[in-house]
Every structure is written in C-alpha cells, then in structure tokens.
Amino acid sequence: MNDEKKQLLRQLLFVFFKIGLFTFGGGYAMIPLIEREVVETKGWIDEERMMDILAISESTPGPIAINMATFVGYHTAGIWGSALATAGVVLPSVIIILILSGIYTAFRSNIWVGYAFTGIKSAVCVLLINNIIKLSKQFKGKFNASLVAVGAFLLLAFLNVKGIFVIMGAIAAGIVTELLGINFINGGRADDTV
C-alpha cells in the first residue's frame, strides 16, 4: 500500500470520526455534514453519486449514516476505505455512550441538562429541514421523482404506511416509469425535464 493510499485512508477515518463526534440527532442529521465533507470539501465524489449513495443507504438495512459511510468509503478507497469510514462514524458514539451511561442517571433530573437537550432537539430539526431543502433541489425538472416524493410523504405522514412498503413502492415506480418511458407531465421519456 503506497503512502498516498494510506493518507486517504487516514483522512476517511478522521473525516467520519469528526462527523460522528459532532452530530446529534441520528443519521438524517448527519447527511448534510457528510455531503459537505465528501462532496464540497474533499471532492471525493460528485453530487449525483452522493444522491445515489443516499438512495442506496436509505434502502439498505441498518442506520443510514453508517451505510453512507460504508458506501462512500468503498467508492473512495475500496474495502479498507469502507471499513475505516464505517469505524470512524461509529467510534465516537460508542465512546460517548460508554462515558455517559455511567453519569447520565446522576444528572438526568438536572434542569440544565433538560435545557441542553431542548436546544439539541431544536438544532436537529433545523438540520433535517435543511436536508429536505437540499434534497428537493435534486428533483428540479424531474416531475416523476417529485410525484413519488410527495406520494411517499403522504403515505408516511397521513396514512401510517410502513416505511419499507413506501420504499418498495418507490423502487417499483422508478423501474416502471423508466422501462415504459413514462413522463406524467408531458408524455415524453421519464428522464425529460419539464
């Protein structure tokens, strides 16, 4: 293994460790941070590939942030990249949980701890809204994708359909519209823009 590859592997471990360490709110809150680091800052992958990785990570069993780290690491540096990126994003949580589990019970009724968690929840909501706005920009001119997104939201939010069924339906809709060349807005190919 050459020095350049070793340096890349160290960077993958460090970048995903940093993301795992400074992100509260779970995998969805990590998505904008992962995108900024690997697309904008490091330039390891382009935005289109990032959207593909996001879709695959969402459809694959397991936490989305871990799946994304695994796929980004593999795309960037193969098997070792995959292993180190995954380890990097998981290690901070493991370390923090081990430390906090011993002291949480002693401080959980503290009013300041409650205030801190309220602030964290607010910040996580903002991160999630920001992520929705960024992802929605990818649908510009893609009426079929927008239709599937709105339909998925309605099914999840108002009809309480299980997420796995929504994902399977979205996969089926994407395959059918591509194979049949259906574009619901103008009767053209499914990849035509509005």
C-alpha atoms as a PDB file:
ATOM      1  CA  MET A   1       0.000   0.000   0.000  1.00  0.00           C
ATOM      2  CA  ASN A   2       1.531   3.316  -1.063  1.00  0.00           C
ATOM      3  CA  ASP A   3       1.743   6.477   1.048  1.00  0.00           C
ATOM      4  CA  GLU A   4      -0.989   8.244  -0.931  1.00  0.00           C
ATOM      5  CA  LYS A   5      -3.468   5.429  -0.231  1.00  0.00           C
ATOM      6  CA  LYS A   6      -2.524   5.401   3.466  1.00  0.00           C
ATOM      7  CA  GLN A   7      -3.084   9.155   3.642  1.00  0.00           C
ATOM      8  CA  LEU A   8      -6.510   8.784   2.005  1.00  0.00           C
ATOM      9  CA  LEU A   9      -7.460   6.049   4.484  1.00  0.00           C
ATOM     10  CA  ARG A  10      -6.390   8.233   7.421  1.00  0.00           C
ATOM     11  CA  GLN A  11      -8.462  11.111   6.021  1.00  0.00           C
ATOM     12  CA  LEU A  12     -11.517   8.863   5.652  1.00  0.00           C
ATOM     13  CA  LEU A  13     -11.197   7.707   9.256  1.00  0.00           C
ATOM     14  CA  PHE A  14     -10.691  11.266  10.546  1.00  0.00           C
ATOM     15  CA  VAL A  15     -13.497  12.861   8.476  1.00  0.00           C
ATOM     16  CA  PHE A  16     -16.082  10.278   9.507  1.00  0.00           C
ATOM     17  CA  PHE A  17     -14.881  10.290  13.119  1.00  0.00           C
ATOM     18  CA  LYS A  18     -15.393  14.065  13.152  1.00  0.00           C
ATOM     19  CA  ILE A  19     -18.864  13.703  11.621  1.00  0.00           C
ATOM     20  CA  GLY A  20     -19.803  11.043  14.166  1.00  0.00           C
ATOM     21  CA  LEU A  21     -18.414  13.081  17.046  1.00  0.00           C
ATOM     22  CA  PHE A  22     -20.132  16.387  16.316  1.00  0.00           C
ATOM     23  CA  THR A  23     -23.517  15.268  15.025  1.00  0.00           C
ATOM     24  CA  PHE A  24     -26.550  14.906  17.240  1.00  0.00           C
ATOM     25  CA  GLY A  25     -29.909  13.636  16.075  1.00  0.00           C
ATOM     26  CA  GLY A  26     -29.039  10.428  14.276  1.00  0.00           C
ATOM     27  CA  GLY A  27     -28.277   9.543  10.698  1.00  0.00           C
ATOM     28  CA  TYR A  28     -30.551  12.030   8.963  1.00  0.00           C
ATOM     29  CA  ALA A  29     -28.898  14.908  10.779  1.00  0.00           C
ATOM     30  CA  MET A  30     -25.531  13.627   9.528  1.00  0.00           C
ATOM     31  CA  ILE A  31     -26.494  13.676   5.847  1.00  0.00           C
ATOM     32  CA  PRO A  32     -25.767  17.387   5.219  1.00  0.00           C
ATOM     33  CA  LEU A  33     -22.454  17.094   7.071  1.00  0.00           C
ATOM     34  CA  ILE A  34     -21.412  14.008   5.117  1.00  0.00           C
ATOM     35  CA  GLU A  35     -22.376  15.715   1.863  1.00  0.00           C
ATOM     36  CA  ARG A  36     -20.439  18.879   2.706  1.00  0.00           C
ATOM     37  CA  GLU A  37     -17.315  16.956   3.685  1.00  0.00           C
ATOM     38  CA  VAL A  38     -17.147  14.370   0.891  1.00  0.00           C
ATOM     39  CA  VAL A  39     -18.603  16.418  -1.982  1.00  0.00           C
ATOM     40  CA  GLU A  40     -17.783  20.058  -1.313  1.00  0.00           C
ATOM     41  CA  THR A  41     -14.699  19.982   0.931  1.00  0.00           C
ATOM     42  CA  LYS A  42     -12.809  16.830  -0.112  1.00  0.00           C
ATOM     43  CA  GLY A  43     -14.270  16.339  -3.596  1.00  0.00           C
ATOM     44  CA  TRP A  44     -14.133  12.547  -3.231  1.00  0.00           C
ATOM     45  CA  ILE A  45     -17.460  12.098  -5.038  1.00  0.00           C
ATOM     46  CA  ASP A  46     -19.753  14.303  -7.093  1.00  0.00           C
ATOM     47  CA  GLU A  47     -23.254  15.391  -6.099  1.00  0.00           C
ATOM     48  CA  GLU A  48     -25.006  12.948  -8.416  1.00  0.00           C
ATOM     49  CA  ARG A  49     -23.105   9.991  -6.943  1.00  0.00           C
ATOM     50  CA  MET A  50     -23.907  11.321  -3.467  1.00  0.00           C
ATOM     51  CA  MET A  51     -27.633  11.172  -4.278  1.00  0.00           C
ATOM     52  CA  ASP A  52     -27.187   7.584  -5.497  1.00  0.00           C
ATOM     53  CA  ILE A  53     -25.356   6.679  -2.275  1.00  0.00           C
ATOM     54  CA  LEU A  54     -28.096   8.348  -0.232  1.00  0.00           C
ATOM     55  CA  ALA A  55     -30.816   6.369  -2.042  1.00  0.00           C
ATOM     56  CA  ILE A  56     -28.953   3.073  -1.630  1.00  0.00           C
ATOM     57  CA  SER A  57     -28.156   3.826   2.018  1.00  0.00           C
ATOM     58  CA  GLU A  58     -31.810   4.535   2.743  1.00  0.00           C
ATOM     59  CA  SER A  59     -32.890   1.308   1.051  1.00  0.00           C
ATOM     60  CA  THR A  60     -30.258  -0.880   2.724  1.00  0.00           C
ATOM     61  CA  PRO A  61     -30.915  -2.327   6.197  1.00  0.00           C
ATOM     62  CA  GLY A  62     -29.162  -0.511   9.025  1.00  0.00           C
ATOM     63  CA  PRO A  63     -28.592   3.092  10.121  1.00  0.00           C
ATOM     64  CA  ILE A  64     -28.366   5.484   7.168  1.00  0.00           C
ATOM     65  CA  ALA A  65     -25.212   7.298   8.372  1.00  0.00           C
ATOM     66  CA  ILE A  66     -23.325   4.043   8.795  1.00  0.00           C
ATOM     67  CA  ASN A  67     -24.499   2.833   5.389  1.00  0.00           C
ATOM     68  CA  MET A  68     -23.442   6.126   3.792  1.00  0.00           C
ATOM     69  CA  ALA A  69     -20.011   5.972   5.445  1.00  0.00           C
ATOM     70  CA  THR A  70     -19.595   2.413   4.184  1.00  0.00           C
ATOM     71  CA  PHE A  71     -20.567   3.268   0.601  1.00  0.00           C
ATOM     72  CA  VAL A  72     -18.553   6.497   0.478  1.00  0.00           C
ATOM     73  CA  GLY A  73     -15.517   4.719   1.928  1.00  0.00           C
ATOM     74  CA  TYR A  74     -15.825   1.897  -0.586  1.00  0.00           C
ATOM     75  CA  HIS A  75     -16.244   4.272  -3.521  1.00  0.00           C
ATOM     76  CA  THR A  76     -13.268   6.337  -2.370  1.00  0.00           C
ATOM     77  CA  ALA A  77     -10.757   3.693  -1.261  1.00  0.00           C
ATOM     78  CA  GLY A  78     -12.183   0.188  -1.640  1.00  0.00           C
ATOM     79  CA  ILE A  79     -12.648  -2.332   1.158  1.00  0.00           C
ATOM     80  CA  TRP A  80     -10.217  -0.642   3.574  1.00  0.00           C
ATOM     81  CA  GLY A  81     -11.862   2.715   2.931  1.00  0.00           C
ATOM     82  CA  SER A  82     -15.230   1.177   3.645  1.00  0.00           C
ATOM     83  CA  ALA A  83     -14.050  -0.369   6.913  1.00  0.00           C
ATOM     84  CA  LEU A  84     -12.302   2.771   8.171  1.00  0.00           C
ATOM     85  CA  ALA A  85     -15.103   5.182   7.230  1.00  0.00           C
ATOM     86  CA  THR A  86     -17.616   2.930   8.983  1.00  0.00           C
ATOM     87  CA  ALA A  87     -15.389   2.617  12.051  1.00  0.00           C
ATOM     88  CA  GLY A  88     -14.866   6.374  12.055  1.00  0.00           C
ATOM     89  CA  VAL A  89     -18.555   7.215  12.123  1.00  0.00           C
ATOM     90  CA  VAL A  90     -19.357   4.579  14.779  1.00  0.00           C
ATOM     91  CA  LEU A  91     -16.470   5.038  17.242  1.00  0.00           C
ATOM     92  CA  PRO A  92     -17.494   8.448  18.653  1.00  0.00           C
ATOM     93  CA  SER A  93     -20.949   7.163  19.575  1.00  0.00           C
ATOM     94  CA  VAL A  94     -19.533   4.070  21.230  1.00  0.00           C
ATOM     95  CA  ILE A  95     -17.028   6.114  23.227  1.00  0.00           C
ATOM     96  CA  ILE A  96     -19.575   8.768  24.252  1.00  0.00           C
ATOM     97  CA  ILE A  97     -22.213   6.188  25.226  1.00  0.00           C
ATOM     98  CA  LEU A  98     -19.718   4.331  27.390  1.00  0.00           C
ATOM     99  CA  ILE A  99     -18.770   7.559  29.167  1.00  0.00           C
ATOM    100  CA  LEU A 100     -22.270   8.998  29.512  1.00  0.00           C
ATOM    101  CA  SER A 101     -24.063   5.815  30.527  1.00  0.00           C
ATOM    102  CA  GLY A 102     -22.323   5.913  33.878  1.00  0.00           C
ATOM    103  CA  ILE A 103     -23.112   9.534  34.664  1.00  0.00           C
ATOM    104  CA  TYR A 104     -26.485  10.097  32.935  1.00  0.00           C
ATOM    105  CA  THR A 105     -28.591   8.651  35.736  1.00  0.00           C
ATOM    106  CA  ALA A 106     -26.971  11.040  38.207  1.00  0.00           C
ATOM    107  CA  PHE A 107     -27.744  14.137  36.094  1.00  0.00           C
ATOM    108  CA  ARG A 108     -30.925  13.321  34.156  1.00  0.00           C
ATOM    109  CA  SER A 109     -33.158  15.295  36.514  1.00  0.00           C
ATOM    110  CA  ASN A 110     -30.886  18.374  36.383  1.00  0.00           C
ATOM    111  CA  ILE A 111     -32.765  21.333  34.854  1.00  0.00           C
ATOM    112  CA  TRP A 112     -29.709  22.486  32.859  1.00  0.00           C
ATOM    113  CA  VAL A 113     -29.345  19.087  31.250  1.00  0.00           C
ATOM    114  CA  GLY A 114     -33.017  19.329  30.211  1.00  0.00           C
ATOM    115  CA  TYR A 115     -32.392  22.763  28.677  1.00  0.00           C
ATOM    116  CA  ALA A 116     -29.376  21.424  26.801  1.00  0.00           C
ATOM    117  CA  PHE A 117     -31.419  18.590  25.301  1.00  0.00           C
ATOM    118  CA  THR A 118     -34.143  21.045  24.269  1.00  0.00           C
ATOM    119  CA  GLY A 119     -31.526  23.090  22.405  1.00  0.00           C
ATOM    120  CA  ILE A 120     -30.116  19.977  20.754  1.00  0.00           C
ATOM    121  CA  LYS A 121     -33.594  18.907  19.578  1.00  0.00           C
ATOM    122  CA  SER A 122     -34.141  22.351  18.030  1.00  0.00           C
ATOM    123  CA  ALA A 123     -30.831  22.199  16.177  1.00  0.00           C
ATOM    124  CA  VAL A 124     -31.621  18.706  14.877  1.00  0.00           C
ATOM    125  CA  CYS A 125     -34.957  19.946  13.477  1.00  0.00           C
ATOM    126  CA  VAL A 126     -33.122  22.683  11.580  1.00  0.00           C
ATOM    127  CA  LEU A 127     -30.604  20.170  10.193  1.00  0.00           C
ATOM    128  CA  LEU A 128     -33.419  17.919   8.986  1.00  0.00           C
ATOM    129  CA  ILE A 129     -35.274  20.804   7.309  1.00  0.00           C
ATOM    130  CA  ASN A 130     -32.039  21.903   5.647  1.00  0.00           C
ATOM    131  CA  ASN A 131     -31.544  18.364   4.374  1.00  0.00           C
ATOM    132  CA  ILE A 132     -35.064  18.265   2.906  1.00  0.00           C
ATOM    133  CA  ILE A 133     -34.444  21.556   1.080  1.00  0.00           C
ATOM    134  CA  LYS A 134     -31.114  20.325  -0.353  1.00  0.00           C
ATOM    135  CA  LEU A 135     -32.599  17.019  -1.475  1.00  0.00           C
ATOM    136  CA  SER A 136     -35.611  18.704  -3.068  1.00  0.00           C
ATOM    137  CA  LYS A 137     -33.269  20.709  -5.338  1.00  0.00           C
ATOM    138  CA  GLN A 138     -32.228  17.399  -6.921  1.00  0.00           C
ATOM    139  CA  PHE A 139     -35.806  16.977  -8.201  1.00  0.00           C
ATOM    140  CA  LYS A 140     -35.761  20.156 -10.287  1.00  0.00           C
ATOM    141  CA  GLY A 141     -37.297  19.295 -13.652  1.00  0.00           C
ATOM    142  CA  LYS A 142     -37.932  15.679 -12.640  1.00  0.00           C
ATOM    143  CA  PHE A 143     -41.690  15.515 -12.273  1.00  0.00           C
ATOM    144  CA  ASN A 144     -41.834  11.729 -11.737  1.00  0.00           C
ATOM    145  CA  ALA A 145     -39.349  11.876  -8.855  1.00  0.00           C
ATOM    146  CA  SER A 146     -41.230  14.795  -7.310  1.00  0.00           C
ATOM    147  CA  LEU A 147     -44.509  12.903  -7.618  1.00  0.00           C
ATOM    148  CA  VAL A 148     -43.017   9.846  -5.897  1.00  0.00           C
ATOM    149  CA  ALA A 149     -41.557  12.028  -3.111  1.00  0.00           C
ATOM    150  CA  VAL A 150     -44.893  13.741  -2.430  1.00  0.00           C
ATOM    151  CA  GLY A 151     -46.723  10.417  -2.560  1.00  0.00           C
ATOM    152  CA  ALA A 152     -44.229   8.839  -0.150  1.00  0.00           C
ATOM    153  CA  PHE A 153     -44.623  11.746   2.270  1.00  0.00           C
ATOM    154  CA  LEU A 154     -48.417  11.488   2.197  1.00  0.00           C
ATOM    155  CA  LEU A 155     -48.338   7.727   2.738  1.00  0.00           C
ATOM    156  CA  LEU A 156     -45.914   8.015   5.675  1.00  0.00           C
ATOM    157  CA  ALA A 157     -47.332  11.127   7.335  1.00  0.00           C
ATOM    158  CA  PHE A 158     -51.073  10.666   6.974  1.00  0.00           C
ATOM    159  CA  LEU A 159     -51.796   7.014   6.215  1.00  0.00           C
ATOM    160  CA  ASN A 160     -49.162   5.483   8.533  1.00  0.00           C
ATOM    161  CA  VAL A 161     -47.920   3.106   5.840  1.00  0.00           C
ATOM    162  CA  LYS A 162     -44.755   1.298   6.946  1.00  0.00           C
ATOM    163  CA  GLY A 163     -41.553   2.772   5.517  1.00  0.00           C
ATOM    164  CA  ILE A 164     -40.431  -0.476   3.904  1.00  0.00           C
ATOM    165  CA  PHE A 165     -43.603  -0.592   1.795  1.00  0.00           C
ATOM    166  CA  VAL A 166     -43.116   3.022   0.726  1.00  0.00           C
ATOM    167  CA  ILE A 167     -39.502   2.300  -0.280  1.00  0.00           C
ATOM    168  CA  MET A 168     -40.508  -0.817  -2.218  1.00  0.00           C
ATOM    169  CA  GLY A 169     -43.295   1.136  -3.948  1.00  0.00           C
ATOM    170  CA  ALA A 170     -40.881   3.937  -4.874  1.00  0.00           C
ATOM    171  CA  ILE A 171     -38.424   1.418  -6.316  1.00  0.00           C
ATOM    172  CA  ALA A 172     -41.214  -0.190  -8.341  1.00  0.00           C
ATOM    173  CA  ALA A 173     -42.453   3.205  -9.571  1.00  0.00           C
ATOM    174  CA  GLY A 174     -38.943   4.191 -10.676  1.00  0.00           C
ATOM    175  CA  ILE A 175     -38.410   0.936 -12.543  1.00  0.00           C
ATOM    176  CA  VAL A 176     -41.820   1.032 -14.250  1.00  0.00           C
ATOM    177  CA  THR A 177     -41.567   4.655 -15.375  1.00  0.00           C
ATOM    178  CA  GLU A 178     -38.065   4.096 -16.758  1.00  0.00           C
ATOM    179  CA  LEU A 179     -38.882   0.826 -18.520  1.00  0.00           C
ATOM    180  CA  LEU A 180     -42.079   2.186 -20.038  1.00  0.00           C
ATOM    181  CA  GLY A 181     -40.617   5.619 -20.735  1.00  0.00           C
ATOM    182  CA  ILE A 182     -43.478   7.349 -18.940  1.00  0.00           C
ATOM    183  CA  ASN A 183     -43.321  11.015 -18.033  1.00  0.00           C
ATOM    184  CA  PHE A 184     -46.527  12.089 -16.337  1.00  0.00           C
ATOM    185  CA  ILE A 185     -46.089  15.777 -17.160  1.00  0.00           C
ATOM    186  CA  ASN A 186     -45.730  15.760 -20.933  1.00  0.00           C
ATOM    187  CA  GLY A 187     -45.932  12.174 -22.186  1.00  0.00           C
ATOM    188  CA  GLY A 188     -42.230  12.108 -23.086  1.00  0.00           C
ATOM    189  CA  ARG A 189     -39.393   9.968 -21.753  1.00  0.00           C
ATOM    190  CA  ALA A 190     -39.198   9.552 -17.967  1.00  0.00           C
ATOM    191  CA  ASP A 191     -35.921  11.498 -17.828  1.00  0.00           C
ATOM    192  CA  ASP A 192     -37.200  14.501 -19.800  1.00  0.00           C
ATOM    193  CA  THR A 193     -37.223  17.792 -17.968  1.00  0.00           C
ATOM    194  CA  VAL A 194     -40.271  19.979 -17.569  1.00  0.00           C
END
